[in-house]
Structure formats: C-alpha cells, structure tokens
C-alpha cells in the first residue's frame, strides 16, 4: 500500500486520536484510511457532476484552506 504524508490541523488530529481512544478504530492509520475512503465515497455520490472528465485536480476544497469536508 502506498504511503502518503499529509498535514492536518491540530483539531482534526485530536478528533482522530479521540476516535482511536474510544475504540472506533484500531489504529490511527486505520482511522485515517477509513475516514478518507468515506469522504471520497461521499464526494463521488454528492459532489459536483461535470460533463468533462477532469477529475479532482480542479475541484478544490470546500470551506477554509485548513478544513477538510467529508
């Protein structure tokens, strides 16, 4: 599996750590993988529909620069 390095705001890191501590996920890595997968699935089903097949590169993020919307 490829490795990816990301920087997330401290409040998101705290929420991920809390989910792991509560037993929602076995590890931090599992939490991040599952949350990203869920976000991508949600984006695909409810995101913008475009006739041209340009992918994610021009879609940008919703919200502020340091927020990730899932």
C-alpha atoms as a PDB file:
ATOM      1  CA  UNK A   1       0.000   0.000   0.000  1.00  0.00           C
ATOM      2  CA  UNK A   2       1.448   3.421  -0.909  1.00  0.00           C
ATOM      3  CA  UNK A   3       2.387   5.781   1.926  1.00  0.00           C
ATOM      4  CA  UNK A   4       1.131   9.361   1.923  1.00  0.00           C
ATOM      5  CA  UNK A   5       2.228  12.212   4.161  1.00  0.00           C
ATOM      6  CA  UNK A   6      -0.380  14.841   4.991  1.00  0.00           C
ATOM      7  CA  UNK A   7      -0.551  17.814   7.317  1.00  0.00           C
ATOM      8  CA  UNK A   8      -3.836  18.272   9.149  1.00  0.00           C
ATOM      9  CA  UNK A   9      -4.925  20.954  11.582  1.00  0.00           C
ATOM     10  CA  UNK A  10      -4.445  20.092  15.234  1.00  0.00           C
ATOM     11  CA  UNK A  11      -8.190  19.927  15.904  1.00  0.00           C
ATOM     12  CA  UNK A  12      -8.579  17.165  13.294  1.00  0.00           C
ATOM     13  CA  UNK A  13      -5.636  15.229  14.717  1.00  0.00           C
ATOM     14  CA  UNK A  14      -7.230  15.460  18.160  1.00  0.00           C
ATOM     15  CA  UNK A  15     -10.551  14.161  16.805  1.00  0.00           C
ATOM     16  CA  UNK A  16      -8.810  11.231  15.098  1.00  0.00           C
ATOM     17  CA  UNK A  17      -6.901  10.393  18.288  1.00  0.00           C
ATOM     18  CA  UNK A  18     -10.145  10.528  20.263  1.00  0.00           C
ATOM     19  CA  UNK A  19     -11.861   8.118  17.852  1.00  0.00           C
ATOM     20  CA  UNK A  20      -8.969   5.672  18.257  1.00  0.00           C
ATOM     21  CA  UNK A  21      -9.029   6.025  22.062  1.00  0.00           C
ATOM     22  CA  UNK A  22     -12.783   5.355  22.069  1.00  0.00           C
ATOM     23  CA  UNK A  23     -12.207   2.132  20.141  1.00  0.00           C
ATOM     24  CA  UNK A  24     -13.882   3.271  16.927  1.00  0.00           C
ATOM     25  CA  UNK A  25     -10.673   2.336  15.081  1.00  0.00           C
ATOM     26  CA  UNK A  26      -7.805   0.001  15.951  1.00  0.00           C
ATOM     27  CA  UNK A  27      -5.107   2.485  14.974  1.00  0.00           C
ATOM     28  CA  UNK A  28      -4.534   5.990  13.739  1.00  0.00           C
ATOM     29  CA  UNK A  29      -3.627   4.631  10.296  1.00  0.00           C
ATOM     30  CA  UNK A  30      -6.882   2.669  10.084  1.00  0.00           C
ATOM     31  CA  UNK A  31      -8.867   5.738  11.163  1.00  0.00           C
ATOM     32  CA  UNK A  32      -7.291   7.982   8.548  1.00  0.00           C
ATOM     33  CA  UNK A  33      -7.705   5.374   5.801  1.00  0.00           C
ATOM     34  CA  UNK A  34     -11.370   4.733   6.644  1.00  0.00           C
ATOM     35  CA  UNK A  35     -12.200   8.428   7.016  1.00  0.00           C
ATOM     36  CA  UNK A  36     -10.569   9.279   3.674  1.00  0.00           C
ATOM     37  CA  UNK A  37     -12.376   6.407   1.947  1.00  0.00           C
ATOM     38  CA  UNK A  38     -15.692   7.529   3.409  1.00  0.00           C
ATOM     39  CA  UNK A  39     -15.055  11.101   2.324  1.00  0.00           C
ATOM     40  CA  UNK A  40     -14.176  10.094  -1.217  1.00  0.00           C
ATOM     41  CA  UNK A  41     -17.281   7.891  -1.499  1.00  0.00           C
ATOM     42  CA  UNK A  42     -19.431  10.762  -0.204  1.00  0.00           C
ATOM     43  CA  UNK A  43     -17.825  13.156  -2.659  1.00  0.00           C
ATOM     44  CA  UNK A  44     -18.440  10.809  -5.574  1.00  0.00           C
ATOM     45  CA  UNK A  45     -22.121  10.414  -4.698  1.00  0.00           C
ATOM     46  CA  UNK A  46     -22.915  14.004  -3.774  1.00  0.00           C
ATOM     47  CA  UNK A  47     -20.118  16.078  -5.300  1.00  0.00           C
ATOM     48  CA  UNK A  48     -20.337  18.253  -8.369  1.00  0.00           C
ATOM     49  CA  UNK A  49     -21.174  16.491 -11.603  1.00  0.00           C
ATOM     50  CA  UNK A  50     -19.209  17.706 -14.560  1.00  0.00           C
ATOM     51  CA  UNK A  51     -19.560  16.705 -18.186  1.00  0.00           C
ATOM     52  CA  UNK A  52     -15.840  16.980 -18.814  1.00  0.00           C
ATOM     53  CA  UNK A  53     -13.835  14.221 -17.117  1.00  0.00           C
ATOM     54  CA  UNK A  54     -11.280  16.400 -15.340  1.00  0.00           C
ATOM     55  CA  UNK A  55     -11.052  14.501 -12.032  1.00  0.00           C
ATOM     56  CA  UNK A  56     -10.242  16.087  -8.672  1.00  0.00           C
ATOM     57  CA  UNK A  57      -7.455  18.487  -9.629  1.00  0.00           C
ATOM     58  CA  UNK A  58      -9.688  21.498 -10.335  1.00  0.00           C
ATOM     59  CA  UNK A  59     -12.392  20.837  -7.744  1.00  0.00           C
ATOM     60  CA  UNK A  60     -10.510  22.254  -4.764  1.00  0.00           C
ATOM     61  CA  UNK A  61     -11.690  22.046  -1.167  1.00  0.00           C
ATOM     62  CA  UNK A  62     -14.931  23.267   0.239  1.00  0.00           C
ATOM     63  CA  UNK A  63     -14.615  25.621   3.187  1.00  0.00           C
ATOM     64  CA  UNK A  64     -11.495  27.218   4.523  1.00  0.00           C
ATOM     65  CA  UNK A  65      -7.951  26.414   3.482  1.00  0.00           C
ATOM     66  CA  UNK A  66      -7.305  24.267   6.579  1.00  0.00           C
ATOM     67  CA  UNK A  67     -10.629  22.401   6.573  1.00  0.00           C
ATOM     68  CA  UNK A  68     -11.424  19.068   5.004  1.00  0.00           C
ATOM     69  CA  UNK A  69     -15.088  18.439   4.307  1.00  0.00           C
ATOM     70  CA  UNK A  70     -16.311  14.851   4.438  1.00  0.00           C
END
